[in-house]
Amino acid sequence: MHEASIEETETGKVPADDGWYIMNLADARWSTFEGGGTWSVLESPSAHWQRLGFGLHVLCPGDAPRMYHAESEQEGFLVLSGECVALVEGEERRMGPWDYLHSPAGTAHITVGAGDGPCLLAMVGSRSPDKKIDYIAEPLAARHGVSVPQDTHSPKEAYKDRPPIRPVPCPIELPTSS
């Protein structure tokens, strides 16, 4: 396997293809939308296929990365620092540092920032070309502002009112590579 080239963009560095690479998160591309926290997806935007997705998400209290949903793929969420609330199958669970949420395929879930400051989550998920997502109307999620009004399979419908995604610098203090 070849080493991927790393592209410098206006919004941070990204791997240019599906080869192996090493990149410091302080240099990576980060994105945000109002109320959605800030994230970096450490995948090549130009790779033709991917079996595993990995990223980091910083959630301030009340921030949520997506709407309450269930996917046809498994996901995992590890709290590295701070606190969040996991809404899973209609139940609410508080998570703190080193708590891990395993979300098997078909599990309805979302995380929402909680506590007094930012929550740093490591996120991992399997990928397939026929991945499906169900956005689910859920009363508990609605109380947190992360529920669709009615069930849908359409991301366009689920996120029709979401503010635009925009690039931002790395939101947390990280050491740089030497």
N, C-alpha and C. Protein backbone atom coordinates (compact mmCIF):
# COMPACT_ATOMS: atom_id res chain seq x y z
N MET A 1 0.86 -1.18 0.00
CA MET A 1 0.00 0.00 0.00
C MET A 1 0.90 1.23 0.00
N HIS A 2 0.51 2.21 -0.75
CA HIS A 2 1.28 3.45 -0.87
C HIS A 2 0.95 4.43 0.26
N GLU A 3 1.83 5.39 0.48
CA GLU A 3 1.56 6.45 1.43
C GLU A 3 0.74 7.53 0.74
N ALA A 4 -0.35 7.93 1.36
CA ALA A 4 -1.20 8.98 0.79
C ALA A 4 -0.48 10.32 0.87
N SER A 5 -0.69 11.13 -0.14
CA SER A 5 -0.19 12.50 -0.03
C SER A 5 -1.20 13.28 0.83
N ILE A 6 -0.71 14.26 1.53
CA ILE A 6 -1.55 15.10 2.38
C ILE A 6 -1.70 16.44 1.68
N GLU A 7 -2.94 16.83 1.44
CA GLU A 7 -3.23 18.09 0.77
C GLU A 7 -3.45 19.19 1.78
N GLU A 8 -2.85 20.34 1.52
CA GLU A 8 -3.09 21.52 2.33
C GLU A 8 -4.25 22.27 1.68
N THR A 9 -5.35 22.42 2.41
CA THR A 9 -6.49 23.17 1.88
C THR A 9 -6.65 24.45 2.70
N GLU A 10 -7.54 25.31 2.29
CA GLU A 10 -7.80 26.55 3.03
C GLU A 10 -8.33 26.25 4.44
N THR A 11 -8.90 25.05 4.62
CA THR A 11 -9.53 24.72 5.90
C THR A 11 -8.78 23.66 6.69
N GLY A 12 -7.57 23.33 6.29
CA GLY A 12 -6.78 22.33 7.01
C GLY A 12 -6.32 21.23 6.08
N LYS A 13 -5.55 20.31 6.63
CA LYS A 13 -4.98 19.22 5.84
C LYS A 13 -5.96 18.06 5.73
N VAL A 14 -5.92 17.38 4.57
CA VAL A 14 -6.73 16.18 4.34
C VAL A 14 -5.90 15.17 3.56
N PRO A 15 -6.11 13.88 3.82
CA PRO A 15 -5.44 12.88 2.98
C PRO A 15 -6.03 12.96 1.57
N ALA A 16 -5.16 12.89 0.57
CA ALA A 16 -5.60 13.08 -0.82
C ALA A 16 -6.12 11.80 -1.47
N ASP A 17 -5.86 10.64 -0.87
CA ASP A 17 -6.35 9.39 -1.45
C ASP A 17 -6.47 8.34 -0.36
N ASP A 18 -6.60 7.07 -0.74
CA ASP A 18 -6.87 6.03 0.25
C ASP A 18 -5.63 5.28 0.72
N GLY A 19 -4.45 5.86 0.59
CA GLY A 19 -3.24 5.25 1.12
C GLY A 19 -3.12 5.48 2.62
N TRP A 20 -2.07 4.91 3.21
CA TRP A 20 -1.85 5.11 4.65
C TRP A 20 -1.27 6.51 4.86
N TYR A 21 -1.45 7.05 6.07
CA TYR A 21 -0.91 8.37 6.38
C TYR A 21 -0.84 8.57 7.89
N ILE A 22 -0.03 9.54 8.28
CA ILE A 22 0.03 10.04 9.66
C ILE A 22 -0.17 11.54 9.58
N MET A 23 -1.09 12.05 10.41
CA MET A 23 -1.40 13.48 10.38
C MET A 23 -1.80 13.92 11.78
N ASN A 24 -1.30 15.05 12.23
CA ASN A 24 -1.66 15.58 13.53
C ASN A 24 -3.04 16.24 13.45
N LEU A 25 -3.88 15.98 14.44
CA LEU A 25 -5.24 16.54 14.45
C LEU A 25 -5.26 18.06 14.48
N ALA A 26 -4.23 18.68 15.04
CA ALA A 26 -4.18 20.15 15.06
C ALA A 26 -4.11 20.71 13.65
N ASP A 27 -3.61 19.92 12.71
CA ASP A 27 -3.47 20.36 11.31
C ASP A 27 -4.64 19.94 10.43
N ALA A 28 -5.50 19.07 10.95
CA ALA A 28 -6.58 18.49 10.13
C ALA A 28 -7.69 19.50 9.85
N ARG A 29 -8.50 19.16 8.86
CA ARG A 29 -9.68 19.99 8.54
C ARG A 29 -10.77 19.74 9.58
N TRP A 30 -11.35 20.81 10.11
CA TRP A 30 -12.43 20.76 11.08
C TRP A 30 -13.63 21.51 10.51
N SER A 31 -14.83 21.10 10.91
CA SER A 31 -16.07 21.72 10.43
C SER A 31 -17.03 21.92 11.59
N THR A 32 -18.02 22.78 11.37
CA THR A 32 -19.04 23.04 12.38
C THR A 32 -20.31 23.54 11.73
N PHE A 33 -21.39 23.50 12.47
CA PHE A 33 -22.60 24.26 12.17
C PHE A 33 -23.17 24.66 13.53
N GLU A 34 -23.91 25.75 13.56
CA GLU A 34 -24.44 26.26 14.82
C GLU A 34 -25.23 25.18 15.54
N GLY A 35 -24.84 24.88 16.80
CA GLY A 35 -25.52 23.88 17.60
C GLY A 35 -25.09 22.45 17.33
N GLY A 36 -24.13 22.25 16.41
CA GLY A 36 -23.72 20.90 16.05
C GLY A 36 -22.35 20.50 16.52
N GLY A 37 -21.70 21.35 17.31
CA GLY A 37 -20.36 21.03 17.75
C GLY A 37 -19.37 21.24 16.62
N THR A 38 -18.17 20.73 16.81
CA THR A 38 -17.09 20.86 15.83
C THR A 38 -16.47 19.48 15.65
N TRP A 39 -16.18 19.10 14.41
CA TRP A 39 -15.69 17.76 14.16
C TRP A 39 -14.62 17.73 13.08
N SER A 40 -13.85 16.65 13.12
CA SER A 40 -12.89 16.34 12.09
C SER A 40 -13.07 14.88 11.72
N VAL A 41 -13.31 14.63 10.46
CA VAL A 41 -13.43 13.26 9.96
C VAL A 41 -12.10 12.92 9.30
N LEU A 42 -11.44 11.92 9.80
CA LEU A 42 -10.08 11.62 9.37
C LEU A 42 -10.07 10.61 8.22
N GLU A 43 -10.83 10.94 7.19
CA GLU A 43 -10.93 10.08 6.01
C GLU A 43 -10.65 10.93 4.79
N SER A 44 -10.19 10.29 3.75
CA SER A 44 -9.96 10.99 2.50
C SER A 44 -11.29 11.28 1.82
N PRO A 45 -11.53 12.54 1.46
CA PRO A 45 -12.79 12.84 0.75
C PRO A 45 -12.82 12.25 -0.65
N SER A 46 -11.66 11.86 -1.19
CA SER A 46 -11.63 11.33 -2.55
C SER A 46 -11.50 9.80 -2.62
N ALA A 47 -11.43 9.13 -1.48
CA ALA A 47 -11.31 7.66 -1.50
C ALA A 47 -12.56 7.05 -2.11
N HIS A 48 -12.39 6.03 -2.93
CA HIS A 48 -13.51 5.42 -3.63
C HIS A 48 -14.34 4.49 -2.74
N TRP A 49 -13.75 3.94 -1.71
CA TRP A 49 -14.49 3.08 -0.79
C TRP A 49 -13.83 3.19 0.57
N GLN A 50 -14.59 2.94 1.58
CA GLN A 50 -14.06 2.95 2.93
C GLN A 50 -14.87 1.96 3.75
N ARG A 51 -14.22 1.20 4.57
CA ARG A 51 -14.91 0.24 5.43
C ARG A 51 -15.02 0.74 6.86
N LEU A 52 -14.19 1.74 7.20
CA LEU A 52 -14.15 2.22 8.56
C LEU A 52 -14.03 3.74 8.55
N GLY A 53 -14.89 4.38 9.31
CA GLY A 53 -14.80 5.83 9.47
C GLY A 53 -14.35 6.14 10.88
N PHE A 54 -13.52 7.17 11.03
CA PHE A 54 -13.04 7.58 12.34
C PHE A 54 -12.99 9.10 12.38
N GLY A 55 -13.41 9.66 13.50
CA GLY A 55 -13.34 11.10 13.65
C GLY A 55 -13.42 11.50 15.10
N LEU A 56 -13.24 12.79 15.33
CA LEU A 56 -13.39 13.37 16.66
C LEU A 56 -14.47 14.43 16.59
N HIS A 57 -15.21 14.57 17.68
CA HIS A 57 -16.28 15.56 17.75
C HIS A 57 -16.19 16.26 19.10
N VAL A 58 -16.21 17.59 19.07
CA VAL A 58 -16.23 18.39 20.28
C VAL A 58 -17.66 18.94 20.41
N LEU A 59 -18.33 18.57 21.50
CA LEU A 59 -19.70 19.02 21.74
C LEU A 59 -19.73 19.90 22.99
N CYS A 60 -20.19 21.13 22.84
CA CYS A 60 -20.44 21.98 24.00
C CYS A 60 -21.80 21.60 24.56
N PRO A 61 -22.10 21.97 25.81
CA PRO A 61 -23.41 21.61 26.37
C PRO A 61 -24.56 22.01 25.44
N GLY A 62 -25.42 21.04 25.14
CA GLY A 62 -26.56 21.25 24.26
C GLY A 62 -26.30 20.98 22.80
N ASP A 63 -25.02 20.91 22.38
CA ASP A 63 -24.70 20.61 20.98
C ASP A 63 -25.01 19.16 20.66
N ALA A 64 -25.43 18.90 19.44
CA ALA A 64 -25.65 17.54 18.95
C ALA A 64 -25.17 17.45 17.51
N PRO A 65 -24.46 16.38 17.17
CA PRO A 65 -23.90 16.27 15.84
C PRO A 65 -24.92 15.95 14.75
N ARG A 66 -26.01 15.31 15.10
CA ARG A 66 -26.99 14.87 14.11
C ARG A 66 -28.35 14.79 14.77
N MET A 67 -29.30 14.25 14.05
CA MET A 67 -30.62 13.95 14.59
C MET A 67 -30.62 12.51 15.10
N TYR A 68 -31.53 12.22 16.00
CA TYR A 68 -31.73 10.86 16.53
C TYR A 68 -31.97 9.94 15.34
N HIS A 69 -31.23 8.83 15.27
CA HIS A 69 -31.28 7.98 14.08
C HIS A 69 -30.83 6.56 14.40
N ALA A 70 -31.10 5.67 13.47
CA ALA A 70 -30.60 4.29 13.51
C ALA A 70 -29.97 4.01 12.14
N GLU A 71 -28.80 3.41 12.16
CA GLU A 71 -28.08 3.11 10.91
C GLU A 71 -28.01 1.60 10.68
N SER A 72 -27.77 1.25 9.44
CA SER A 72 -27.59 -0.16 9.10
C SER A 72 -26.15 -0.62 9.38
N GLU A 73 -25.34 0.25 9.94
CA GLU A 73 -23.94 -0.06 10.27
C GLU A 73 -23.72 0.17 11.77
N GLN A 74 -22.73 -0.51 12.34
CA GLN A 74 -22.42 -0.29 13.75
C GLN A 74 -21.56 0.95 13.92
N GLU A 75 -21.67 1.56 15.10
CA GLU A 75 -20.87 2.73 15.45
C GLU A 75 -20.41 2.60 16.90
N GLY A 76 -19.39 3.38 17.25
CA GLY A 76 -18.93 3.43 18.62
C GLY A 76 -18.51 4.84 18.97
N PHE A 77 -18.70 5.21 20.25
CA PHE A 77 -18.41 6.56 20.73
C PHE A 77 -17.68 6.46 22.06
N LEU A 78 -16.47 7.00 22.13
CA LEU A 78 -15.66 6.99 23.34
C LEU A 78 -15.48 8.42 23.82
N VAL A 79 -15.92 8.70 25.06
CA VAL A 79 -15.74 10.03 25.64
C VAL A 79 -14.29 10.12 26.12
N LEU A 80 -13.54 11.05 25.54
CA LEU A 80 -12.15 11.26 25.94
C LEU A 80 -12.05 12.29 27.06
N SER A 81 -12.94 13.28 27.05
CA SER A 81 -12.99 14.27 28.14
C SER A 81 -14.36 14.93 28.13
N GLY A 82 -14.73 15.51 29.26
CA GLY A 82 -16.02 16.18 29.37
C GLY A 82 -17.16 15.20 29.58
N GLU A 83 -18.39 15.69 29.31
CA GLU A 83 -19.59 14.88 29.51
C GLU A 83 -20.55 15.05 28.34
N CYS A 84 -21.33 14.02 28.10
CA CYS A 84 -22.42 14.09 27.14
C CYS A 84 -23.55 13.19 27.65
N VAL A 85 -24.68 13.33 27.00
CA VAL A 85 -25.82 12.47 27.26
C VAL A 85 -26.02 11.62 26.01
N ALA A 86 -26.10 10.32 26.19
CA ALA A 86 -26.41 9.41 25.09
C ALA A 86 -27.90 9.10 25.15
N LEU A 87 -28.59 9.32 24.06
CA LEU A 87 -29.98 8.91 23.93
C LEU A 87 -29.96 7.65 23.09
N VAL A 88 -30.37 6.54 23.71
CA VAL A 88 -30.27 5.24 23.05
C VAL A 88 -31.57 4.48 23.24
N GLU A 89 -32.20 4.13 22.13
CA GLU A 89 -33.44 3.35 22.19
C GLU A 89 -34.46 3.95 23.17
N GLY A 90 -34.58 5.29 23.14
CA GLY A 90 -35.57 5.97 23.99
C GLY A 90 -35.16 6.14 25.44
N GLU A 91 -33.91 5.80 25.78
CA GLU A 91 -33.40 5.97 27.14
C GLU A 91 -32.27 6.98 27.16
N GLU A 92 -32.11 7.67 28.28
CA GLU A 92 -31.06 8.68 28.44
C GLU A 92 -30.01 8.17 29.41
N ARG A 93 -28.74 8.24 29.00
CA ARG A 93 -27.62 7.82 29.86
C ARG A 93 -26.54 8.88 29.81
N ARG A 94 -26.06 9.27 30.98
CA ARG A 94 -24.96 10.23 31.07
C ARG A 94 -23.65 9.49 30.83
N MET A 95 -22.74 10.12 30.08
CA MET A 95 -21.42 9.54 29.81
C MET A 95 -20.33 10.54 30.19
N GLY A 96 -19.26 10.02 30.76
CA GLY A 96 -18.11 10.84 31.13
C GLY A 96 -16.83 10.22 30.57
N PRO A 97 -15.68 10.76 30.97
CA PRO A 97 -14.41 10.28 30.43
C PRO A 97 -14.26 8.76 30.51
N TRP A 98 -13.88 8.19 29.39
CA TRP A 98 -13.59 6.77 29.18
C TRP A 98 -14.84 5.90 29.12
N ASP A 99 -16.03 6.51 29.12
CA ASP A 99 -17.25 5.74 28.87
C ASP A 99 -17.37 5.51 27.37
N TYR A 100 -17.78 4.32 27.00
CA TYR A 100 -17.87 3.92 25.59
C TYR A 100 -19.29 3.47 25.30
N LEU A 101 -19.86 3.99 24.24
CA LEU A 101 -21.17 3.57 23.75
C LEU A 101 -20.97 2.73 22.50
N HIS A 102 -21.37 1.48 22.57
CA HIS A 102 -21.37 0.60 21.39
C HIS A 102 -22.78 0.62 20.83
N SER A 103 -22.91 0.98 19.57
CA SER A 103 -24.20 1.08 18.91
C SER A 103 -24.25 0.07 17.75
N PRO A 104 -24.78 -1.15 18.01
CA PRO A 104 -24.89 -2.13 16.92
C PRO A 104 -25.79 -1.61 15.81
N ALA A 105 -25.66 -2.18 14.64
CA ALA A 105 -26.52 -1.82 13.52
C ALA A 105 -27.98 -1.88 13.96
N GLY A 106 -28.76 -0.85 13.58
CA GLY A 106 -30.18 -0.81 13.90
C GLY A 106 -30.53 -0.18 15.23
N THR A 107 -29.52 0.27 16.00
CA THR A 107 -29.77 0.88 17.31
C THR A 107 -30.04 2.37 17.14
N ALA A 108 -31.19 2.85 17.62
CA ALA A 108 -31.51 4.27 17.57
C ALA A 108 -30.68 5.00 18.63
N HIS A 109 -30.02 6.11 18.22
CA HIS A 109 -29.10 6.78 19.14
C HIS A 109 -28.76 8.19 18.68
N ILE A 110 -28.18 8.97 19.60
CA ILE A 110 -27.53 10.25 19.34
C ILE A 110 -26.83 10.66 20.64
N THR A 111 -25.81 11.49 20.53
CA THR A 111 -25.14 12.06 21.70
C THR A 111 -25.41 13.56 21.72
N VAL A 112 -25.51 14.12 22.92
CA VAL A 112 -25.75 15.55 23.11
C VAL A 112 -24.76 16.03 24.17
N GLY A 113 -24.08 17.13 23.91
CA GLY A 113 -23.14 17.69 24.87
C GLY A 113 -23.83 18.03 26.19
N ALA A 114 -23.13 17.82 27.30
CA ALA A 114 -23.69 18.08 28.63
C ALA A 114 -22.57 18.58 29.54
N GLY A 115 -22.88 18.80 30.80
CA GLY A 115 -21.87 19.21 31.77
C GLY A 115 -21.57 20.69 31.69
N ASP A 116 -20.38 21.07 32.19
CA ASP A 116 -19.99 22.48 32.29
C ASP A 116 -19.10 22.96 31.16
N GLY A 117 -18.66 22.06 30.30
CA GLY A 117 -17.74 22.47 29.24
C GLY A 117 -17.79 21.50 28.08
N PRO A 118 -16.81 21.60 27.19
CA PRO A 118 -16.81 20.75 26.00
C PRO A 118 -16.61 19.27 26.33
N CYS A 119 -17.20 18.44 25.49
CA CYS A 119 -17.03 16.99 25.53
C CYS A 119 -16.28 16.60 24.27
N LEU A 120 -15.22 15.83 24.41
CA LEU A 120 -14.46 15.35 23.27
C LEU A 120 -14.77 13.87 23.07
N LEU A 121 -15.36 13.55 21.92
CA LEU A 121 -15.76 12.18 21.58
C LEU A 121 -14.90 11.65 20.43
N ALA A 122 -14.41 10.43 20.58
CA ALA A 122 -13.83 9.70 19.45
C ALA A 122 -14.96 8.86 18.88
N MET A 123 -15.14 8.93 17.55
CA MET A 123 -16.24 8.22 16.90
C MET A 123 -15.67 7.26 15.86
N VAL A 124 -16.23 6.07 15.81
CA VAL A 124 -15.82 5.09 14.82
C VAL A 124 -17.06 4.40 14.27
N GLY A 125 -17.04 4.08 12.99
CA GLY A 125 -18.20 3.41 12.41
C GLY A 125 -17.82 2.63 11.17
N SER A 126 -18.50 1.51 10.97
CA SER A 126 -18.26 0.74 9.76
C SER A 126 -18.99 1.39 8.60
N ARG A 127 -18.53 1.10 7.40
CA ARG A 127 -19.08 1.71 6.19
C ARG A 127 -19.40 0.61 5.17
N SER A 128 -20.46 0.83 4.41
CA SER A 128 -20.74 -0.02 3.26
C SER A 128 -21.46 0.82 2.22
N PRO A 129 -21.38 0.44 0.97
CA PRO A 129 -22.01 1.25 -0.08
C PRO A 129 -23.53 1.29 0.02
N ASP A 130 -24.14 0.30 0.67
CA ASP A 130 -25.60 0.27 0.77
C ASP A 130 -26.10 0.69 2.15
N LYS A 131 -25.31 1.51 2.86
CA LYS A 131 -25.68 2.00 4.19
C LYS A 131 -27.02 2.72 4.14
N LYS A 132 -27.85 2.46 5.16
CA LYS A 132 -29.15 3.12 5.27
C LYS A 132 -29.25 3.78 6.65
N ILE A 133 -29.95 4.93 6.69
CA ILE A 133 -30.17 5.63 7.95
C ILE A 133 -31.66 5.94 8.07
N ASP A 134 -32.21 5.61 9.23
CA ASP A 134 -33.59 5.97 9.56
C ASP A 134 -33.54 7.07 10.60
N TYR A 135 -34.18 8.20 10.31
CA TYR A 135 -34.31 9.29 11.28
C TYR A 135 -35.66 9.09 11.95
N ILE A 136 -35.64 9.02 13.28
CA ILE A 136 -36.80 8.56 14.04
C ILE A 136 -37.37 9.68 14.92
N ALA A 137 -38.67 9.87 14.82
CA ALA A 137 -39.36 10.81 15.73
C ALA A 137 -39.42 10.15 17.10
N GLU A 138 -38.81 10.79 18.09
CA GLU A 138 -38.69 10.21 19.44
C GLU A 138 -38.92 11.31 20.47
N PRO A 139 -39.90 11.15 21.37
CA PRO A 139 -40.20 12.21 22.36
C PRO A 139 -39.00 12.63 23.21
N LEU A 140 -38.19 11.68 23.69
CA LEU A 140 -37.01 12.03 24.49
C LEU A 140 -36.04 12.87 23.66
N ALA A 141 -35.80 12.46 22.43
CA ALA A 141 -34.90 13.22 21.55
C ALA A 141 -35.48 14.61 21.25
N ALA A 142 -36.79 14.70 21.11
CA ALA A 142 -37.44 16.00 20.85
C ALA A 142 -37.20 16.95 22.03
N ARG A 143 -37.22 16.42 23.26
CA ARG A 143 -36.95 17.28 24.43
C ARG A 143 -35.53 17.85 24.40
N HIS A 144 -34.63 17.15 23.72
CA HIS A 144 -33.25 17.63 23.56
C HIS A 144 -33.06 18.39 22.25
N GLY A 145 -34.12 18.52 21.45
CA GLY A 145 -34.03 19.24 20.19
C GLY A 145 -33.35 18.48 19.07
N VAL A 146 -33.32 17.13 19.16
CA VAL A 146 -32.60 16.33 18.16
C VAL A 146 -33.48 15.26 17.52
N SER A 147 -34.78 15.55 17.41
CA SER A 147 -35.70 14.60 16.78
C SER A 147 -36.31 15.21 15.53
N VAL A 148 -36.50 14.39 14.52
CA VAL A 148 -37.28 14.82 13.36
C VAL A 148 -38.75 14.83 13.76
N PRO A 149 -39.59 15.65 13.11
CA PRO A 149 -41.01 15.67 13.47
C PRO A 149 -41.75 14.40 13.08
N GLN A 150 -41.28 13.74 12.02
CA GLN A 150 -41.85 12.45 11.62
C GLN A 150 -40.75 11.59 11.03
N ASP A 151 -40.89 10.27 11.16
CA ASP A 151 -39.87 9.35 10.66
C ASP A 151 -39.59 9.61 9.18
N THR A 152 -38.30 9.50 8.82
CA THR A 152 -37.90 9.66 7.43
C THR A 152 -36.62 8.88 7.17
N HIS A 153 -36.40 8.55 5.91
CA HIS A 153 -35.15 7.93 5.48
C HIS A 153 -34.28 8.96 4.76
N SER A 154 -34.78 10.17 4.60
CA SER A 154 -34.12 11.19 3.80
C SER A 154 -33.28 12.14 4.64
N PRO A 155 -31.94 12.13 4.44
CA PRO A 155 -31.10 13.11 5.14
C PRO A 155 -31.50 14.54 4.76
N LYS A 156 -31.87 14.74 3.50
CA LYS A 156 -32.27 16.07 3.05
C LYS A 156 -33.47 16.58 3.87
N GLU A 157 -34.43 15.70 4.13
CA GLU A 157 -35.60 16.06 4.93
C GLU A 157 -35.21 16.24 6.40
N ALA A 158 -34.40 15.34 6.93
CA ALA A 158 -34.02 15.40 8.34
C ALA A 158 -33.25 16.67 8.67
N TYR A 159 -32.45 17.16 7.74
CA TYR A 159 -31.57 18.31 8.00
C TYR A 159 -31.96 19.56 7.22
N LYS A 160 -33.21 19.64 6.80
CA LYS A 160 -33.63 20.79 5.97
C LYS A 160 -33.49 22.11 6.70
N ASP A 161 -33.57 22.13 8.03
CA ASP A 161 -33.47 23.37 8.79
C ASP A 161 -32.10 23.57 9.45
N ARG A 162 -31.16 22.68 9.18
CA ARG A 162 -29.83 22.80 9.80
C ARG A 162 -29.09 23.99 9.21
N PRO A 163 -28.42 24.76 10.06
CA PRO A 163 -27.58 25.85 9.53
C PRO A 163 -26.47 25.29 8.64
N PRO A 164 -25.89 26.11 7.79
CA PRO A 164 -24.84 25.62 6.88
C PRO A 164 -23.60 25.15 7.64
N ILE A 165 -22.97 24.13 7.07
CA ILE A 165 -21.69 23.63 7.61
C ILE A 165 -20.59 24.56 7.10
N ARG A 166 -19.67 24.91 8.01
CA ARG A 166 -18.58 25.79 7.62
C ARG A 166 -17.27 25.30 8.25
N PRO A 167 -16.15 25.61 7.61
CA PRO A 167 -14.86 25.20 8.16
C PRO A 167 -14.45 26.09 9.33
N VAL A 168 -13.72 25.51 10.27
CA VAL A 168 -13.19 26.25 11.42
C VAL A 168 -11.83 25.65 11.78
N PRO A 169 -11.02 26.41 12.54
CA PRO A 169 -9.77 25.82 13.02
C PRO A 169 -10.03 24.79 14.11
N CYS A 170 -9.03 24.01 14.41
CA CYS A 170 -9.12 23.02 15.47
C CYS A 170 -9.62 23.70 16.75
N PRO A 171 -10.68 23.19 17.37
CA PRO A 171 -11.31 23.88 18.50
C PRO A 171 -10.67 23.61 19.86
N ILE A 172 -9.71 22.71 19.92
CA ILE A 172 -9.11 22.37 21.21
C ILE A 172 -7.59 22.50 21.12
N GLU A 173 -6.98 22.70 22.25
CA GLU A 173 -5.53 22.82 22.34
C GLU A 173 -4.92 21.43 22.20
N LEU A 174 -4.14 21.23 21.14
CA LEU A 174 -3.48 19.95 20.91
C LEU A 174 -1.99 20.18 20.71
N PRO A 175 -1.17 19.26 21.16
CA PRO A 175 0.26 19.39 20.85
C PRO A 175 0.48 19.15 19.36
N THR A 176 1.46 19.78 18.79
CA THR A 176 1.76 19.57 17.37
C THR A 176 2.88 18.56 17.24
N SER A 177 2.99 17.95 16.08
CA SER A 177 4.07 17.00 15.81
C SER A 177 5.38 17.75 15.77
N SER A 178 6.45 17.05 16.17
CA SER A 178 7.76 17.72 16.09
C SER A 178 8.48 17.27 14.87
